[in-house]
């Protein structure tokens, strides 16, 4: 009985160490920006993951401002960075937003949908 328990514990330890994957979305948008004349603000995020099953061609990242989703694009010349320009109303001083990354992972014989969501951030828009 104790030998079986020892084997089960060893298998569990192996699964826990082998299954350690990490995925992180880093907000690269500053906390404060001076309102530009055109009212368009850049939102930027970085995606880092060591999960090998993620299908790189399936990424659909968004910045969600209020109830509006704005599709993000890969930045040129940098890996894993995404950005979008969002027009904001002239009367807004604070903007709450978060990032959402939809993607697919390779399952057994098929792709499976997945997504990650960041906490809510707040951007302060300063007047000139």
C-alpha atoms as a PDB file:
ATOM      1  CA  UNK A   1       0.000   0.000   0.000  1.00  0.00           C
ATOM      2  CA  UNK A   2       2.754   2.499   0.854  1.00  0.00           C
ATOM      3  CA  UNK A   3       4.598   1.613  -2.362  1.00  0.00           C
ATOM      4  CA  UNK A   4       1.484   2.408  -4.387  1.00  0.00           C
ATOM      5  CA  UNK A   5       1.067   5.680  -2.494  1.00  0.00           C
ATOM      6  CA  UNK A   6       4.717   6.585  -3.148  1.00  0.00           C
ATOM      7  CA  UNK A   7       4.269   5.897  -6.890  1.00  0.00           C
ATOM      8  CA  UNK A   8       1.115   8.012  -6.988  1.00  0.00           C
ATOM      9  CA  UNK A   9       2.917  10.874  -5.240  1.00  0.00           C
ATOM     10  CA  UNK A  10       5.823  10.617  -7.675  1.00  0.00           C
ATOM     11  CA  UNK A  11       3.444  10.686 -10.660  1.00  0.00           C
ATOM     12  CA  UNK A  12       1.626  13.691  -9.242  1.00  0.00           C
ATOM     13  CA  UNK A  13       4.917  15.544  -8.690  1.00  0.00           C
ATOM     14  CA  UNK A  14       5.972  14.763 -12.259  1.00  0.00           C
ATOM     15  CA  UNK A  15       2.679  16.049 -13.644  1.00  0.00           C
ATOM     16  CA  UNK A  16       2.868  19.241 -11.614  1.00  0.00           C
ATOM     17  CA  UNK A  17       6.415  20.087 -12.697  1.00  0.00           C
ATOM     18  CA  UNK A  18       5.886  19.075 -16.333  1.00  0.00           C
ATOM     19  CA  UNK A  19       2.652  21.035 -16.579  1.00  0.00           C
ATOM     20  CA  UNK A  20       4.007  24.395 -15.446  1.00  0.00           C
ATOM     21  CA  UNK A  21       3.103  26.768 -18.222  1.00  0.00           C
ATOM     22  CA  UNK A  22       3.156  30.500 -17.938  1.00  0.00           C
ATOM     23  CA  UNK A  23       1.181  33.086 -19.884  1.00  0.00           C
ATOM     24  CA  UNK A  24       1.368  36.781 -19.122  1.00  0.00           C
ATOM     25  CA  UNK A  25      -0.155  39.878 -20.713  1.00  0.00           C
ATOM     26  CA  UNK A  26       1.756  43.039 -19.842  1.00  0.00           C
ATOM     27  CA  UNK A  27       0.077  46.427 -20.159  1.00  0.00           C
ATOM     28  CA  UNK A  28       2.453  48.826 -21.948  1.00  0.00           C
ATOM     29  CA  UNK A  29       0.012  51.742 -21.991  1.00  0.00           C
ATOM     30  CA  UNK A  30       1.081  54.587 -19.674  1.00  0.00           C
ATOM     31  CA  UNK A  31      -1.153  55.457 -16.713  1.00  0.00           C
ATOM     32  CA  UNK A  32      -1.414  59.074 -17.840  1.00  0.00           C
ATOM     33  CA  UNK A  33      -1.344  60.698 -21.280  1.00  0.00           C
ATOM     34  CA  UNK A  34      -1.761  64.262 -22.466  1.00  0.00           C
ATOM     35  CA  UNK A  35      -4.854  64.482 -24.638  1.00  0.00           C
ATOM     36  CA  UNK A  36      -3.703  64.674 -28.256  1.00  0.00           C
ATOM     37  CA  UNK A  37      -5.430  67.192 -30.555  1.00  0.00           C
ATOM     38  CA  UNK A  38      -7.122  64.407 -32.538  1.00  0.00           C
ATOM     39  CA  UNK A  39      -8.302  62.600 -29.362  1.00  0.00           C
ATOM     40  CA  UNK A  40      -6.807  59.272 -30.448  1.00  0.00           C
ATOM     41  CA  UNK A  41      -4.964  57.299 -27.756  1.00  0.00           C
ATOM     42  CA  UNK A  42      -2.595  54.351 -28.353  1.00  0.00           C
ATOM     43  CA  UNK A  43      -3.119  51.215 -26.265  1.00  0.00           C
ATOM     44  CA  UNK A  44      -0.344  48.620 -26.252  1.00  0.00           C
ATOM     45  CA  UNK A  45       0.209  45.215 -24.645  1.00  0.00           C
ATOM     46  CA  UNK A  46       2.803  42.453 -24.692  1.00  0.00           C
ATOM     47  CA  UNK A  47       1.985  38.721 -24.768  1.00  0.00           C
ATOM     48  CA  UNK A  48       4.440  36.195 -23.300  1.00  0.00           C
ATOM     49  CA  UNK A  49       3.794  32.479 -23.003  1.00  0.00           C
ATOM     50  CA  UNK A  50       5.770  29.275 -22.867  1.00  0.00           C
ATOM     51  CA  UNK A  51       2.722  27.176 -23.711  1.00  0.00           C
ATOM     52  CA  UNK A  52       3.706  25.258 -26.853  1.00  0.00           C
ATOM     53  CA  UNK A  53       0.202  24.235 -27.904  1.00  0.00           C
ATOM     54  CA  UNK A  54      -0.848  27.832 -28.683  1.00  0.00           C
ATOM     55  CA  UNK A  55      -1.467  28.389 -32.391  1.00  0.00           C
ATOM     56  CA  UNK A  56       0.358  31.646 -33.191  1.00  0.00           C
ATOM     57  CA  UNK A  57      -1.760  32.186 -36.312  1.00  0.00           C
ATOM     58  CA  UNK A  58      -4.977  32.301 -34.278  1.00  0.00           C
ATOM     59  CA  UNK A  59      -4.407  35.391 -32.095  1.00  0.00           C
ATOM     60  CA  UNK A  60      -7.238  37.917 -31.912  1.00  0.00           C
ATOM     61  CA  UNK A  61      -6.340  40.471 -29.238  1.00  0.00           C
ATOM     62  CA  UNK A  62      -8.588  43.360 -28.245  1.00  0.00           C
ATOM     63  CA  UNK A  63      -8.574  46.320 -25.939  1.00  0.00           C
ATOM     64  CA  UNK A  64     -11.993  46.680 -24.340  1.00  0.00           C
ATOM     65  CA  UNK A  65     -12.900  50.269 -23.440  1.00  0.00           C
ATOM     66  CA  UNK A  66     -16.260  50.357 -21.704  1.00  0.00           C
ATOM     67  CA  UNK A  67     -18.376  48.026 -23.830  1.00  0.00           C
ATOM     68  CA  UNK A  68     -16.458  48.586 -27.080  1.00  0.00           C
ATOM     69  CA  UNK A  69     -13.893  46.080 -28.361  1.00  0.00           C
ATOM     70  CA  UNK A  70     -11.060  47.410 -30.529  1.00  0.00           C
ATOM     71  CA  UNK A  71      -9.045  44.838 -32.491  1.00  0.00           C
ATOM     72  CA  UNK A  72      -5.298  45.119 -31.959  1.00  0.00           C
ATOM     73  CA  UNK A  73      -2.547  44.606 -34.547  1.00  0.00           C
ATOM     74  CA  UNK A  74       1.003  43.295 -34.140  1.00  0.00           C
ATOM     75  CA  UNK A  75       3.543  46.077 -33.879  1.00  0.00           C
ATOM     76  CA  UNK A  76       6.166  46.206 -36.597  1.00  0.00           C
ATOM     77  CA  UNK A  77       9.701  45.043 -35.818  1.00  0.00           C
ATOM     78  CA  UNK A  78       8.931  43.759 -32.312  1.00  0.00           C
ATOM     79  CA  UNK A  79       7.824  40.325 -31.217  1.00  0.00           C
ATOM     80  CA  UNK A  80       4.757  39.669 -29.078  1.00  0.00           C
ATOM     81  CA  UNK A  81       3.624  43.301 -28.956  1.00  0.00           C
ATOM     82  CA  UNK A  82       0.165  44.451 -29.985  1.00  0.00           C
ATOM     83  CA  UNK A  83      -1.316  47.936 -30.375  1.00  0.00           C
ATOM     84  CA  UNK A  84      -4.422  49.828 -31.409  1.00  0.00           C
ATOM     85  CA  UNK A  85      -5.395  53.501 -31.726  1.00  0.00           C
ATOM     86  CA  UNK A  86      -8.706  54.332 -30.042  1.00  0.00           C
ATOM     87  CA  UNK A  87     -10.616  57.624 -30.413  1.00  0.00           C
ATOM     88  CA  UNK A  88     -11.895  58.814 -27.045  1.00  0.00           C
ATOM     89  CA  UNK A  89     -14.615  61.397 -26.348  1.00  0.00           C
ATOM     90  CA  UNK A  90     -13.269  64.873 -25.495  1.00  0.00           C
ATOM     91  CA  UNK A  91     -15.147  64.997 -22.180  1.00  0.00           C
ATOM     92  CA  UNK A  92     -13.550  61.841 -20.704  1.00  0.00           C
ATOM     93  CA  UNK A  93     -10.833  62.359 -18.102  1.00  0.00           C
ATOM     94  CA  UNK A  94     -10.573  58.716 -16.943  1.00  0.00           C
ATOM     95  CA  UNK A  95     -10.905  55.611 -19.081  1.00  0.00           C
ATOM     96  CA  UNK A  96     -11.241  52.079 -17.720  1.00  0.00           C
ATOM     97  CA  UNK A  97     -10.049  49.318 -20.032  1.00  0.00           C
ATOM     98  CA  UNK A  98      -8.710  45.785 -20.170  1.00  0.00           C
ATOM     99  CA  UNK A  99      -7.103  43.498 -22.737  1.00  0.00           C
ATOM    100  CA  UNK A 100      -8.619  40.282 -24.062  1.00  0.00           C
ATOM    101  CA  UNK A 101      -6.636  37.787 -26.114  1.00  0.00           C
ATOM    102  CA  UNK A 102      -8.633  35.130 -27.964  1.00  0.00           C
ATOM    103  CA  UNK A 103      -6.596  32.276 -29.442  1.00  0.00           C
ATOM    104  CA  UNK A 104      -6.621  28.577 -30.182  1.00  0.00           C
ATOM    105  CA  UNK A 105      -4.576  25.740 -28.711  1.00  0.00           C
ATOM    106  CA  UNK A 106      -3.791  22.518 -30.485  1.00  0.00           C
ATOM    107  CA  UNK A 107      -5.781  19.700 -28.943  1.00  0.00           C
ATOM    108  CA  UNK A 108      -5.765  16.049 -29.852  1.00  0.00           C
ATOM    109  CA  UNK A 109      -6.544  16.242 -33.565  1.00  0.00           C
ATOM    110  CA  UNK A 110      -8.307  19.611 -33.449  1.00  0.00           C
ATOM    111  CA  UNK A 111      -7.947  23.205 -32.355  1.00  0.00           C
ATOM    112  CA  UNK A 112      -9.643  24.342 -29.167  1.00  0.00           C
ATOM    113  CA  UNK A 113     -10.664  27.952 -28.378  1.00  0.00           C
ATOM    114  CA  UNK A 114      -9.165  29.714 -25.380  1.00  0.00           C
ATOM    115  CA  UNK A 115      -8.759  33.276 -24.123  1.00  0.00           C
ATOM    116  CA  UNK A 116      -7.032  35.405 -21.508  1.00  0.00           C
ATOM    117  CA  UNK A 117      -8.306  38.545 -19.847  1.00  0.00           C
ATOM    118  CA  UNK A 118      -6.329  41.139 -17.912  1.00  0.00           C
ATOM    119  CA  UNK A 119      -7.509  43.021 -14.862  1.00  0.00           C
ATOM    120  CA  UNK A 120      -9.107  46.415 -15.451  1.00  0.00           C
ATOM    121  CA  UNK A 121      -6.717  49.344 -15.798  1.00  0.00           C
ATOM    122  CA  UNK A 122      -7.427  53.061 -15.585  1.00  0.00           C
ATOM    123  CA  UNK A 123      -5.960  55.689 -17.918  1.00  0.00           C
ATOM    124  CA  UNK A 124      -5.973  59.339 -16.904  1.00  0.00           C
ATOM    125  CA  UNK A 125      -6.182  61.844 -19.756  1.00  0.00           C
ATOM    126  CA  UNK A 126      -4.507  65.146 -18.917  1.00  0.00           C
ATOM    127  CA  UNK A 127      -5.378  68.435 -20.583  1.00  0.00           C
ATOM    128  CA  UNK A 128      -2.682  70.532 -22.184  1.00  0.00           C
END
